[in-house]
N, C-alpha and C. Protein backbone atom coordinates (compact mmCIF):
# COMPACT_ATOMS: atom_id res chain seq x y z
N MET A 1 93.93 77.10 93.70
CA MET A 1 94.53 78.06 94.60
C MET A 1 94.35 77.58 96.03
N ALA A 2 95.43 77.53 96.77
CA ALA A 2 95.38 77.07 98.16
C ALA A 2 94.80 78.16 99.05
N LEU A 3 94.07 77.73 100.04
CA LEU A 3 93.51 78.69 101.00
C LEU A 3 94.61 79.16 101.94
N PRO A 4 94.63 80.46 102.25
CA PRO A 4 95.66 80.97 103.16
C PRO A 4 95.37 80.57 104.60
N ARG A 5 96.42 80.46 105.38
CA ARG A 5 96.27 80.18 106.81
C ARG A 5 96.32 81.50 107.57
N VAL A 6 95.71 81.50 108.73
CA VAL A 6 95.65 82.72 109.53
C VAL A 6 97.05 83.22 109.84
N TYR A 7 97.96 82.31 110.21
CA TYR A 7 99.30 82.76 110.58
C TYR A 7 100.05 83.34 109.38
N ASP A 8 99.74 82.90 108.16
CA ASP A 8 100.37 83.48 106.97
C ASP A 8 99.90 84.92 106.75
N ILE A 9 98.61 85.16 106.92
CA ILE A 9 98.07 86.51 106.76
C ILE A 9 98.62 87.40 107.88
N ALA A 10 98.68 86.87 109.10
CA ALA A 10 99.21 87.66 110.22
C ALA A 10 100.67 88.02 109.98
N LYS A 11 101.44 87.08 109.48
CA LYS A 11 102.86 87.36 109.18
C LYS A 11 102.97 88.42 108.09
N GLU A 12 102.13 88.32 107.09
CA GLU A 12 102.11 89.30 106.00
C GLU A 12 101.81 90.70 106.53
N LEU A 13 100.90 90.78 107.51
CA LEU A 13 100.50 92.05 108.08
C LEU A 13 101.44 92.53 109.18
N GLY A 14 102.33 91.65 109.65
CA GLY A 14 103.25 92.03 110.71
C GLY A 14 102.60 92.06 112.09
N ILE A 15 101.60 91.22 112.27
CA ILE A 15 100.92 91.15 113.56
C ILE A 15 101.02 89.73 114.09
N ASP A 16 100.71 89.56 115.37
CA ASP A 16 100.72 88.25 115.99
C ASP A 16 99.46 87.47 115.59
N SER A 17 99.57 86.17 115.52
CA SER A 17 98.42 85.33 115.16
C SER A 17 97.27 85.51 116.14
N LYS A 18 97.59 85.70 117.42
CA LYS A 18 96.53 85.89 118.42
C LYS A 18 95.75 87.17 118.16
N VAL A 19 96.44 88.21 117.70
CA VAL A 19 95.77 89.46 117.36
C VAL A 19 94.84 89.23 116.16
N ALA A 20 95.32 88.49 115.18
CA ALA A 20 94.51 88.19 114.00
C ALA A 20 93.28 87.38 114.39
N LEU A 21 93.45 86.38 115.26
CA LEU A 21 92.32 85.57 115.70
C LEU A 21 91.30 86.41 116.47
N ALA A 22 91.78 87.32 117.31
CA ALA A 22 90.88 88.19 118.06
C ALA A 22 90.10 89.11 117.12
N LYS A 23 90.77 89.64 116.11
CA LYS A 23 90.10 90.52 115.16
C LYS A 23 89.07 89.75 114.34
N LEU A 24 89.40 88.52 113.94
CA LEU A 24 88.44 87.70 113.20
C LEU A 24 87.21 87.41 114.05
N ALA A 25 87.41 87.13 115.33
CA ALA A 25 86.28 86.89 116.23
C ALA A 25 85.43 88.15 116.35
N GLU A 26 86.10 89.30 116.43
CA GLU A 26 85.39 90.58 116.50
C GLU A 26 84.57 90.84 115.23
N LEU A 27 85.08 90.36 114.09
CA LEU A 27 84.39 90.53 112.82
C LEU A 27 83.30 89.49 112.60
N GLY A 28 83.15 88.56 113.56
CA GLY A 28 82.10 87.55 113.47
C GLY A 28 82.50 86.30 112.72
N GLU A 29 83.78 86.11 112.51
CA GLU A 29 84.27 84.92 111.81
C GLU A 29 84.80 83.92 112.84
N PHE A 30 84.32 82.69 112.81
CA PHE A 30 84.80 81.67 113.73
C PHE A 30 86.02 81.00 113.13
N VAL A 31 87.14 81.13 113.79
CA VAL A 31 88.39 80.49 113.38
C VAL A 31 88.97 79.84 114.62
N LYS A 32 89.30 78.57 114.52
CA LYS A 32 89.72 77.81 115.70
C LYS A 32 91.15 78.13 116.13
N SER A 33 92.10 78.21 115.18
CA SER A 33 93.49 78.44 115.55
C SER A 33 94.22 79.17 114.44
N GLY A 34 95.46 79.52 114.73
CA GLY A 34 96.28 80.22 113.76
C GLY A 34 96.62 79.38 112.54
N SER A 35 96.55 78.07 112.69
CA SER A 35 96.86 77.21 111.55
C SER A 35 95.63 76.87 110.71
N SER A 36 94.49 77.43 111.09
CA SER A 36 93.26 77.21 110.31
C SER A 36 93.34 77.95 108.98
N THR A 37 92.77 77.34 107.96
CA THR A 37 92.68 78.02 106.66
C THR A 37 91.44 78.91 106.67
N ILE A 38 91.52 79.98 105.90
CA ILE A 38 90.37 80.88 105.78
C ILE A 38 90.10 81.14 104.31
N ALA A 39 88.85 81.38 104.00
CA ALA A 39 88.43 81.65 102.63
C ALA A 39 88.97 83.02 102.19
N PRO A 40 89.19 83.21 100.91
CA PRO A 40 89.70 84.51 100.42
C PRO A 40 88.88 85.72 100.86
N PRO A 41 87.53 85.66 100.90
CA PRO A 41 86.79 86.84 101.39
C PRO A 41 87.08 87.15 102.87
N VAL A 42 87.31 86.12 103.67
CA VAL A 42 87.63 86.33 105.08
C VAL A 42 89.04 86.90 105.21
N ALA A 43 89.97 86.44 104.38
CA ALA A 43 91.33 86.98 104.39
C ALA A 43 91.29 88.46 104.00
N LYS A 44 90.45 88.82 103.05
CA LYS A 44 90.32 90.22 102.64
C LYS A 44 89.77 91.06 103.78
N LYS A 45 88.78 90.52 104.53
CA LYS A 45 88.25 91.24 105.68
C LYS A 45 89.34 91.50 106.71
N LEU A 46 90.19 90.51 106.93
CA LEU A 46 91.27 90.65 107.90
C LEU A 46 92.28 91.69 107.43
N ARG A 47 92.64 91.65 106.16
CA ARG A 47 93.58 92.64 105.62
C ARG A 47 92.98 94.05 105.69
N ASP A 48 91.69 94.17 105.40
CA ASP A 48 91.02 95.46 105.45
C ASP A 48 90.92 96.01 106.87
N ALA A 49 90.94 95.11 107.86
CA ALA A 49 90.86 95.53 109.26
C ALA A 49 92.17 96.14 109.75
N PHE A 50 93.26 95.89 109.03
CA PHE A 50 94.58 96.43 109.39
C PHE A 50 95.16 97.15 108.18
N PRO A 51 94.58 98.29 107.78
CA PRO A 51 95.03 98.96 106.55
C PRO A 51 96.47 99.47 106.62
N GLN A 52 96.94 99.94 107.78
CA GLN A 52 98.30 100.44 107.88
C GLN A 52 99.31 99.32 107.69
N GLN A 53 99.06 98.18 108.32
CA GLN A 53 99.98 97.06 108.21
C GLN A 53 99.96 96.48 106.79
N ALA A 54 98.80 96.44 106.16
CA ALA A 54 98.70 95.90 104.81
C ALA A 54 99.45 96.80 103.83
N ALA A 55 99.35 98.11 104.02
CA ALA A 55 100.05 99.04 103.14
C ALA A 55 101.56 98.92 103.34
N ALA A 56 101.99 98.77 104.59
CA ALA A 56 103.42 98.63 104.87
C ALA A 56 103.96 97.31 104.31
N ALA A 57 103.16 96.26 104.39
CA ALA A 57 103.59 94.96 103.87
C ALA A 57 103.70 95.00 102.34
N ALA A 58 102.81 95.73 101.71
CA ALA A 58 102.83 95.83 100.25
C ALA A 58 104.01 96.67 99.79
N ALA A 59 104.39 97.68 100.57
CA ALA A 59 105.48 98.57 100.18
C ALA A 59 106.86 97.99 100.49
N ALA A 60 106.92 97.08 101.44
CA ALA A 60 108.21 96.51 101.85
C ALA A 60 108.73 95.57 100.76
N PRO A 61 110.02 95.65 100.46
CA PRO A 61 110.58 94.72 99.47
C PRO A 61 110.64 93.31 100.03
N ALA A 62 110.59 92.35 99.15
CA ALA A 62 110.67 90.96 99.57
C ALA A 62 112.06 90.68 100.12
N PRO A 63 112.16 89.88 101.17
CA PRO A 63 113.48 89.58 101.73
C PRO A 63 114.32 88.77 100.74
N ALA A 64 115.61 89.06 100.73
CA ALA A 64 116.52 88.36 99.82
C ALA A 64 116.73 86.94 100.31
N ALA A 65 116.88 86.04 99.38
CA ALA A 65 117.12 84.64 99.72
C ALA A 65 118.53 84.52 100.32
N LYS A 66 118.65 83.63 101.30
CA LYS A 66 119.94 83.41 101.93
C LYS A 66 120.85 82.63 100.99
N ALA A 67 122.08 83.07 100.93
CA ALA A 67 123.06 82.33 100.13
C ALA A 67 123.54 81.15 100.96
N THR A 68 123.55 80.00 100.37
CA THR A 68 124.02 78.82 101.07
C THR A 68 125.29 78.34 100.40
N ALA A 69 126.19 77.84 101.22
CA ALA A 69 127.45 77.34 100.70
C ALA A 69 127.22 75.98 100.04
N ALA A 70 127.96 75.73 98.99
CA ALA A 70 127.85 74.43 98.32
C ALA A 70 128.43 73.36 99.21
N PRO A 71 127.84 72.17 99.22
CA PRO A 71 128.37 71.09 100.06
C PRO A 71 129.76 70.68 99.58
N LYS A 72 130.58 70.33 100.57
CA LYS A 72 131.95 69.91 100.23
C LYS A 72 131.92 68.49 99.67
N ALA A 73 132.79 68.28 98.70
CA ALA A 73 132.84 66.98 98.06
C ALA A 73 133.71 66.02 98.81
């Protein structure tokens, strides 16, 4: 299982990466940048810190895939 990146969790929660980094620092977790990977327990702490956004992200339907035109021959 691949470790999630901070910006992926932030996108899932609908928040900015900088907000996620600030919250992680507040929680005592050292994370260098938005592209840093975080361990699953740290990701859970971040999701738990934003319960409204996590609930909204879970309830929102997945975006539909874009239809692409077939290449011309």
